[in-house]
Protein backbone atom coordinates (compact mmCIF):
# COMPACT_ATOMS: atom_id res chain seq x y z
CA UNK A 1 -12.29 -109.47 15.01
CA UNK A 2 -11.61 -112.12 17.71
CA UNK A 3 -14.62 -112.20 20.10
CA UNK A 4 -12.47 -113.76 22.85
CA UNK A 5 -10.00 -110.85 22.67
CA UNK A 6 -12.76 -108.29 23.03
CA UNK A 7 -14.32 -110.17 26.02
CA UNK A 8 -10.90 -110.27 27.67
CA UNK A 9 -10.54 -106.48 27.29
CA UNK A 10 -14.00 -105.80 28.68
CA UNK A 11 -13.38 -108.02 31.70
CA UNK A 12 -10.14 -106.24 32.37
CA UNK A 13 -11.71 -102.71 32.29
CA UNK A 14 -14.67 -103.78 34.51
CA UNK A 15 -12.31 -105.25 37.05
CA UNK A 16 -10.25 -102.14 37.05
CA UNK A 17 -13.27 -99.90 37.01
CA UNK A 18 -14.47 -101.00 40.36
CA UNK A 19 -11.55 -99.09 41.93
CA UNK A 20 -11.51 -96.27 39.31
CA UNK A 21 -13.42 -93.03 40.51
CA UNK A 22 -13.97 -91.97 36.86
CA UNK A 23 -15.53 -95.30 36.10
CA UNK A 24 -17.83 -95.10 39.16
CA UNK A 25 -18.90 -91.49 38.13
CA UNK A 26 -20.74 -92.97 35.26
CA UNK A 27 -23.22 -94.52 37.71
CA UNK A 28 -23.03 -91.87 40.52
CA UNK A 29 -23.39 -88.55 38.75
CA UNK A 30 -26.63 -89.14 36.76
CA UNK A 31 -28.30 -90.76 39.88
CA UNK A 32 -27.09 -87.89 42.08
CA UNK A 33 -28.75 -85.31 39.72
CA UNK A 34 -31.97 -87.33 39.66
CA UNK A 35 -31.95 -87.72 43.47
CA UNK A 36 -31.45 -83.99 43.92
CA UNK A 37 -34.21 -82.99 41.65
CA UNK A 38 -36.59 -85.63 43.01
CA UNK A 39 -35.99 -84.72 46.64
CA UNK A 40 -36.19 -81.00 46.05
CA UNK A 41 -38.97 -80.83 43.46
CA UNK A 42 -40.91 -84.01 43.40
CA UNK A 43 -41.58 -87.64 44.29
CA UNK A 44 -39.58 -90.53 42.91
CA UNK A 45 -42.46 -92.07 41.06
CA UNK A 46 -45.15 -90.60 38.91
CA UNK A 47 -48.50 -90.03 40.52
CA UNK A 48 -51.60 -92.04 39.56
CA UNK A 49 -53.93 -90.80 36.79
CA UNK A 50 -56.68 -88.63 38.39
CA UNK A 51 -60.24 -88.79 37.09
CA UNK A 52 -62.92 -86.39 38.22
CA UNK A 53 -66.39 -87.89 38.09
CA UNK A 54 -69.99 -86.67 38.22
CA UNK A 55 -72.89 -89.12 38.02
CA UNK A 56 -76.21 -87.31 37.12
CA UNK A 57 -78.96 -88.73 39.25
CA UNK A 58 -76.42 -90.93 41.28
CA UNK A 59 -77.05 -94.50 42.13
CA UNK A 60 -74.84 -96.05 39.33
CA UNK A 61 -72.40 -98.72 39.92
CA UNK A 62 -69.88 -96.89 37.75
CA UNK A 63 -68.13 -95.40 40.77
CA UNK A 64 -67.55 -98.85 42.27
CA UNK A 65 -66.01 -100.02 39.04
CA UNK A 66 -63.53 -97.13 39.02
CA UNK A 67 -62.69 -97.73 42.74
CA UNK A 68 -61.50 -101.25 41.92
CA UNK A 69 -58.96 -99.94 39.49
CA UNK A 70 -55.53 -99.49 41.23
CA UNK A 71 -54.09 -97.61 38.25
CA UNK A 72 -56.25 -94.42 38.84
CA UNK A 73 -57.46 -92.19 41.56
CA UNK A 74 -60.93 -90.76 41.33
CA UNK A 75 -62.57 -87.60 42.67
CA UNK A 76 -66.32 -87.91 42.95
CA UNK A 77 -67.96 -84.41 42.53
CA UNK A 78 -71.48 -83.07 42.80
CA UNK A 79 -71.87 -81.03 39.53
CA UNK A 80 -70.80 -80.53 35.98
CA UNK A 81 -69.20 -77.29 36.87
CA UNK A 82 -67.22 -78.90 39.63
CA UNK A 83 -65.78 -81.44 37.19
CA UNK A 84 -64.90 -78.72 34.72
CA UNK A 85 -63.13 -76.59 37.52
CA UNK A 86 -61.19 -79.57 38.78
CA UNK A 87 -59.79 -80.28 35.32
CA UNK A 88 -59.26 -76.52 34.62
CA UNK A 89 -57.33 -76.13 37.84
CA UNK A 90 -55.02 -79.08 36.83
CA UNK A 91 -56.24 -81.22 39.78
CA UNK A 92 -57.42 -83.98 37.49
CA UNK A 93 -56.18 -85.40 34.23
CA UNK A 94 -59.68 -86.17 32.83
CA UNK A 95 -63.19 -85.25 33.97
CA UNK A 96 -66.20 -87.36 32.96
CA UNK A 97 -69.96 -86.71 33.14
CA UNK A 98 -72.00 -89.92 33.31
CA UNK A 99 -75.69 -89.42 32.29
CA UNK A 100 -78.62 -90.35 34.57
CA UNK A 101 -79.77 -94.00 34.44
CA UNK A 102 -76.55 -94.99 32.86
CA UNK A 103 -76.96 -98.68 33.56
CA UNK A 104 -80.48 -98.86 32.17
CA UNK A 105 -79.29 -97.14 28.99
CA UNK A 106 -76.47 -99.56 28.53
CA UNK A 107 -78.72 -102.51 29.31
CA UNK A 108 -81.31 -101.43 26.72
CA UNK A 109 -78.66 -100.55 24.19
CA UNK A 110 -79.64 -96.88 24.09
CA UNK A 111 -77.33 -94.30 22.79
CA UNK A 112 -75.00 -93.03 25.43
CA UNK A 113 -72.98 -89.73 25.17
CA UNK A 114 -70.35 -89.08 27.75
CA UNK A 115 -69.05 -85.58 28.09
CA UNK A 116 -65.24 -85.81 28.83
CA UNK A 117 -63.06 -82.91 29.86
CA UNK A 118 -59.37 -83.38 29.09
CA UNK A 119 -56.67 -81.48 30.84
CA UNK A 120 -54.39 -80.30 27.91
CA UNK A 121 -51.50 -80.18 30.21
CA UNK A 122 -51.80 -83.85 31.27
CA UNK A 123 -49.43 -86.44 30.07
CA UNK A 124 -50.37 -88.57 27.10
CA UNK A 125 -49.90 -91.77 29.10
CA UNK A 126 -52.29 -90.46 31.75
CA UNK A 127 -54.88 -89.81 29.11
CA UNK A 128 -54.41 -93.24 27.80
CA UNK A 129 -54.84 -94.79 31.23
CA UNK A 130 -57.98 -92.78 31.87
CA UNK A 131 -59.48 -93.82 28.57
CA UNK A 132 -58.74 -97.46 29.28
CA UNK A 133 -60.20 -97.14 32.77
CA UNK A 134 -63.34 -95.51 31.48
CA UNK A 135 -63.80 -98.26 28.79
CA UNK A 136 -63.16 -100.99 31.22
CA UNK A 137 -65.75 -99.65 33.79
CA UNK A 138 -68.32 -99.38 31.04
CA UNK A 139 -67.54 -102.81 29.74
CA UNK A 140 -68.06 -104.31 33.25
CA UNK A 141 -71.50 -102.65 33.47
CA UNK A 142 -72.49 -103.76 29.95
CA UNK A 143 -70.65 -106.79 28.73
CA UNK A 144 -72.73 -106.55 25.37
CA UNK A 145 -70.52 -103.58 24.36
CA UNK A 146 -73.27 -101.01 23.88
CA UNK A 147 -71.98 -98.20 21.61
CA UNK A 148 -70.79 -95.13 23.65
CA UNK A 149 -70.04 -91.79 21.97
CA UNK A 150 -67.48 -89.50 23.67
CA UNK A 151 -67.78 -85.75 23.47
CA UNK A 152 -64.20 -84.63 24.28
CA UNK A 153 -63.48 -81.07 25.40
CA UNK A 154 -59.90 -80.09 25.86
CA UNK A 155 -59.14 -77.55 28.52
CA UNK A 156 -55.80 -75.71 28.13
CA UNK A 157 -53.00 -76.08 25.61
CA UNK A 158 -50.49 -78.85 25.30
CA UNK A 159 -48.97 -79.70 28.68
CA UNK A 160 -46.65 -77.37 30.48
CA UNK A 161 -43.93 -79.36 32.20
CA UNK A 162 -42.98 -79.37 35.80
CA UNK A 163 -39.34 -78.71 36.67
CA UNK A 164 -38.35 -82.40 36.93
CA UNK A 165 -39.78 -83.07 33.50
CA UNK A 166 -38.01 -80.02 32.05
CA UNK A 167 -34.76 -81.19 33.53
CA UNK A 168 -35.10 -84.70 32.16
CA UNK A 169 -33.25 -83.92 28.90
CA UNK A 170 -30.11 -82.74 30.61
CA UNK A 171 -30.00 -85.57 33.18
CA UNK A 172 -30.47 -88.25 30.36
CA UNK A 173 -27.76 -86.45 28.26
CA UNK A 174 -25.43 -86.46 31.30
CA UNK A 175 -26.00 -90.22 31.61
CA UNK A 176 -25.34 -90.80 27.88
CA UNK A 177 -22.29 -88.58 27.75
CA UNK A 178 -20.61 -89.65 31.00
CA UNK A 179 -21.07 -93.43 29.92
CA UNK A 180 -20.30 -93.06 26.21
CA UNK A 181 -18.17 -89.95 25.59
CA UNK A 182 -16.08 -89.64 28.77
CA UNK A 183 -15.59 -93.30 29.56
CA UNK A 184 -14.48 -94.34 26.09
CA UNK A 185 -11.98 -91.50 25.84
CA UNK A 186 -10.44 -92.21 29.28
CA UNK A 187 -10.13 -95.91 28.54
CA UNK A 188 -7.77 -95.19 25.80
CA UNK A 189 -5.83 -92.30 27.31
CA UNK A 190 -5.15 -94.30 30.42
CA UNK A 191 -3.46 -96.97 28.51
CA UNK A 192 -1.24 -94.21 26.87
CA UNK A 193 -0.35 -92.72 30.27
CA UNK A 194 0.58 -96.11 31.68
CA UNK A 195 2.55 -96.82 28.50
CA UNK A 196 0.72 -100.22 28.24
CA UNK A 197 -0.93 -99.47 24.89
CA UNK A 198 2.17 -100.58 22.96
CA UNK A 199 2.46 -103.74 25.12
CA UNK A 200 -1.17 -104.56 24.41
CA UNK A 201 -0.68 -104.24 20.67
CA UNK A 202 2.35 -106.67 20.82
CA UNK A 203 -0.21 -109.33 21.97
CA UNK A 204 -2.70 -110.86 19.53
CA UNK A 205 -5.05 -107.98 20.32
CA UNK A 206 -5.51 -105.54 17.40
CA UNK A 207 -6.22 -101.84 17.72
CA UNK A 208 -9.67 -102.39 16.11
CA UNK A 209 -10.41 -105.08 18.77
CA UNK A 210 -9.27 -102.80 21.60
CA UNK A 211 -11.34 -99.76 20.41
CA UNK A 212 -14.36 -102.00 19.71
CA UNK A 213 -14.23 -103.45 23.25
CA UNK A 214 -13.99 -99.92 24.74
CA UNK A 215 -16.87 -98.72 22.62
CA UNK A 216 -19.03 -101.76 23.38
CA UNK A 217 -18.54 -101.43 27.12
CA UNK A 218 -19.18 -97.65 26.99
CA UNK A 219 -22.37 -98.01 24.91
CA UNK A 220 -23.66 -100.63 27.22
CA UNK A 221 -23.08 -98.63 30.44
CA UNK A 222 -24.41 -95.46 28.73
CA UNK A 223 -27.56 -97.18 27.59
CA UNK A 224 -28.10 -98.89 31.03
CA UNK A 225 -27.82 -95.55 32.96
CA UNK A 226 -30.00 -93.57 30.45
CA UNK A 227 -32.74 -96.22 30.82
CA UNK A 228 -32.32 -96.16 34.58
CA UNK A 229 -32.75 -92.34 34.73
CA UNK A 230 -35.92 -92.61 32.49
CA UNK A 231 -37.31 -95.40 34.69
CA UNK A 232 -36.77 -93.32 37.86
CA UNK A 233 -38.32 -90.14 36.46
CA UNK A 234 -40.99 -91.44 34.01
CA UNK A 235 -41.80 -94.94 34.98
CA UNK A 236 -41.32 -98.40 33.43
CA UNK A 237 -44.07 -98.19 30.76
CA UNK A 238 -41.81 -96.53 28.11
CA UNK A 239 -42.48 -97.17 24.40
CA UNK A 240 -39.91 -99.64 22.98
CA UNK A 241 -38.88 -97.00 20.31
CA UNK A 242 -37.19 -95.02 23.11
CA UNK A 243 -34.33 -97.48 22.53
CA UNK A 244 -33.61 -96.04 18.99
CA UNK A 245 -32.40 -92.58 20.08
CA UNK A 246 -30.69 -93.95 23.18
CA UNK A 247 -28.68 -96.52 21.27
CA UNK A 248 -27.85 -94.11 18.41
CA UNK A 249 -26.99 -91.44 20.94
CA UNK A 250 -24.71 -93.76 22.89
CA UNK A 251 -22.94 -94.81 19.67
CA UNK A 252 -22.55 -91.18 18.65
CA UNK A 253 -21.02 -90.35 22.10
CA UNK A 254 -18.55 -93.32 21.80
CA UNK A 255 -17.44 -92.12 18.41
CA UNK A 256 -16.68 -88.68 19.87
CA UNK A 257 -15.03 -90.24 22.90
CA UNK A 258 -12.70 -92.57 20.93
CA UNK A 259 -11.65 -89.75 18.54
CA UNK A 260 -10.88 -87.58 21.60
CA UNK A 261 -8.92 -90.53 23.17
CA UNK A 262 -6.91 -91.09 19.94
CA UNK A 263 -5.81 -87.44 19.71
CA UNK A 264 -5.35 -86.72 23.36
CA UNK A 265 -2.03 -87.26 25.09
CA UNK A 266 -3.02 -87.47 28.71
CA UNK A 267 -6.02 -87.05 31.08
CA UNK A 268 -5.38 -83.30 31.36
CA UNK A 269 -6.15 -82.95 27.80
CA UNK A 270 -9.26 -84.94 28.19
CA UNK A 271 -10.60 -82.84 31.00
CA UNK A 272 -9.73 -79.68 29.18
CA UNK A 273 -11.57 -80.92 26.07
CA UNK A 274 -14.66 -82.00 28.03
CA UNK A 275 -14.72 -78.52 29.70
CA UNK A 276 -14.46 -76.70 26.51
CA UNK A 277 -17.05 -78.96 24.83
CA UNK A 278 -19.46 -78.85 27.71
CA UNK A 279 -21.54 -75.98 26.57
CA UNK A 280 -21.60 -77.28 23.03
CA UNK A 281 -22.73 -80.73 24.22
CA UNK A 282 -25.30 -79.66 26.79
CA UNK A 283 -26.63 -76.52 25.03
CA UNK A 284 -29.72 -78.32 23.39
CA UNK A 285 -30.85 -79.63 26.78
CA UNK A 286 -30.49 -76.28 28.42
CA UNK A 287 -32.61 -74.64 25.62
CA UNK A 288 -35.33 -77.30 26.05
CA UNK A 289 -35.52 -76.41 29.73
CA UNK A 290 -36.67 -72.94 28.81
CA UNK A 291 -39.47 -73.36 26.17
CA UNK A 292 -39.86 -69.47 25.86
CA UNK A 293 -36.44 -69.36 24.23
CA UNK A 294 -36.18 -69.72 20.39
CA UNK A 295 -36.11 -73.42 20.08
CA UNK A 296 -34.39 -73.38 16.67
CA UNK A 297 -31.20 -72.62 18.47
CA UNK A 298 -31.02 -76.10 19.88
CA UNK A 299 -31.18 -77.66 16.40
CA UNK A 300 -27.74 -76.23 15.69
CA UNK A 301 -26.15 -78.68 18.05
CA UNK A 302 -25.70 -82.38 17.25
CA UNK A 303 -26.82 -83.70 20.71
CA UNK A 304 -30.25 -82.07 20.19
CA UNK A 305 -31.05 -85.03 17.85
CA UNK A 306 -30.34 -87.43 20.68
CA UNK A 307 -32.20 -85.80 23.46
CA UNK A 308 -35.26 -84.23 21.66
CA UNK A 309 -36.57 -87.63 20.47
CA UNK A 310 -35.92 -89.04 23.95
CA UNK A 311 -37.79 -86.16 25.45
CA UNK A 312 -40.78 -86.37 23.12
CA UNK A 313 -41.16 -90.09 23.32
CA UNK A 314 -40.80 -90.35 27.11
CA UNK A 315 -42.83 -87.34 28.10
CA UNK A 316 -45.34 -86.81 25.34
CA UNK A 317 -45.47 -90.42 24.00
CA UNK A 318 -44.83 -89.22 20.40
CA UNK A 319 -44.97 -91.95 17.72
CA UNK A 320 -41.98 -92.86 15.55
CA UNK A 321 -43.34 -90.82 12.63
CA UNK A 322 -43.22 -87.56 14.72
CA UNK A 323 -39.54 -88.05 15.47
CA UNK A 324 -38.40 -89.85 12.38
CA UNK A 325 -36.74 -86.72 10.85
CA UNK A 326 -34.69 -86.13 14.05
CA UNK A 327 -33.75 -89.80 14.24
CA UNK A 328 -32.70 -89.72 10.43
CA UNK A 329 -30.41 -86.78 11.13
CA UNK A 330 -28.95 -88.56 14.15
CA UNK A 331 -28.35 -91.71 12.08
CA UNK A 332 -26.63 -89.50 9.50
CA UNK A 333 -24.44 -88.03 12.25
CA UNK A 334 -23.51 -91.47 13.51
CA UNK A 335 -22.44 -92.53 9.98
CA UNK A 336 -20.47 -89.38 9.40
CA UNK A 337 -18.51 -89.56 12.64
CA UNK A 338 -17.93 -93.23 12.01
CA UNK A 339 -16.10 -92.33 8.88
CA UNK A 340 -14.10 -89.74 10.71
CA UNK A 341 -13.28 -92.22 13.44
CA UNK A 342 -12.01 -94.83 10.93
CA UNK A 343 -9.58 -92.08 9.59
CA UNK A 344 -8.49 -91.42 13.24
CA UNK A 345 -7.99 -95.16 13.73
CA UNK A 346 -5.81 -95.47 10.70
CA UNK A 347 -3.69 -92.59 11.98
CA UNK A 348 -3.32 -94.46 15.33
CA UNK A 349 -2.33 -97.65 13.54
CA UNK A 350 0.36 -95.77 11.68
CA UNK A 351 1.79 -94.37 14.80
CA UNK A 352 2.42 -97.81 16.43
């Protein structure tokens, strides 16, 4: 493959895309969905982690240490029951009970036990921030790192999601499919409609280079928009492993799009195919929005293995091991459809 030819094709599509409504839809539609959900149902950025605090006996500097931490918001309460209620009512992510004479105990290296109430419906990242804030405040009070034991009490089950978090899978999937599936298919079909595909192939550009350029541009735009949607809805502190399902999902979408572009004769065929495949492609995200539905239904559809790992990693901060099976299946689908795409490319080559 000639890298220069690939770059030339990409530049050509980017220049033409600025005036192309379909190209611009890749950017506009996912952001529009995000804006609507954020304006109607929430704020654009995630709220600070909330920690409810009760200091037995009062008089400790621990409150001052928390107040200096910009990553959290504290609620100072007057009893243990008040802390428990605050966490139970989901007004705080974590509640902490600091014992009387905390500073003296830390200074004298006495055993310290902190009772910690954890809101079972809080985000994993908020729990992490709260734990870090507590550890940092104690370390500032006692640089000698006096051992502290935590008595953790979880209140409620695993988090129930708000509407924005529930809708995140379908918004991210829209970003991936608009950028990868729709864009890659329309690139190829437009050349057919303008009858410029044959002219392109007369030049030193090969079919493989043409399709690779379309695929590379589509994957790049798809990945960019998916990350943008996640940043707007979840924040910038995403685990690096989020890139794995996003990249694999974008490649999978491009494979589907190029296959559609190879077999489709015109844009009418493309739009008809996208409409008919819509339910099939978006079904897993719709099922995830309604957790009371049988979730096994979503596993029937290939796009489930794109959006479910993204959902679990971004919202619940799942580790790689917890989504490895889904990512393995997604990798298998990418390989399978790559083989099918190669066969379709050979058919296209034979027709020109």
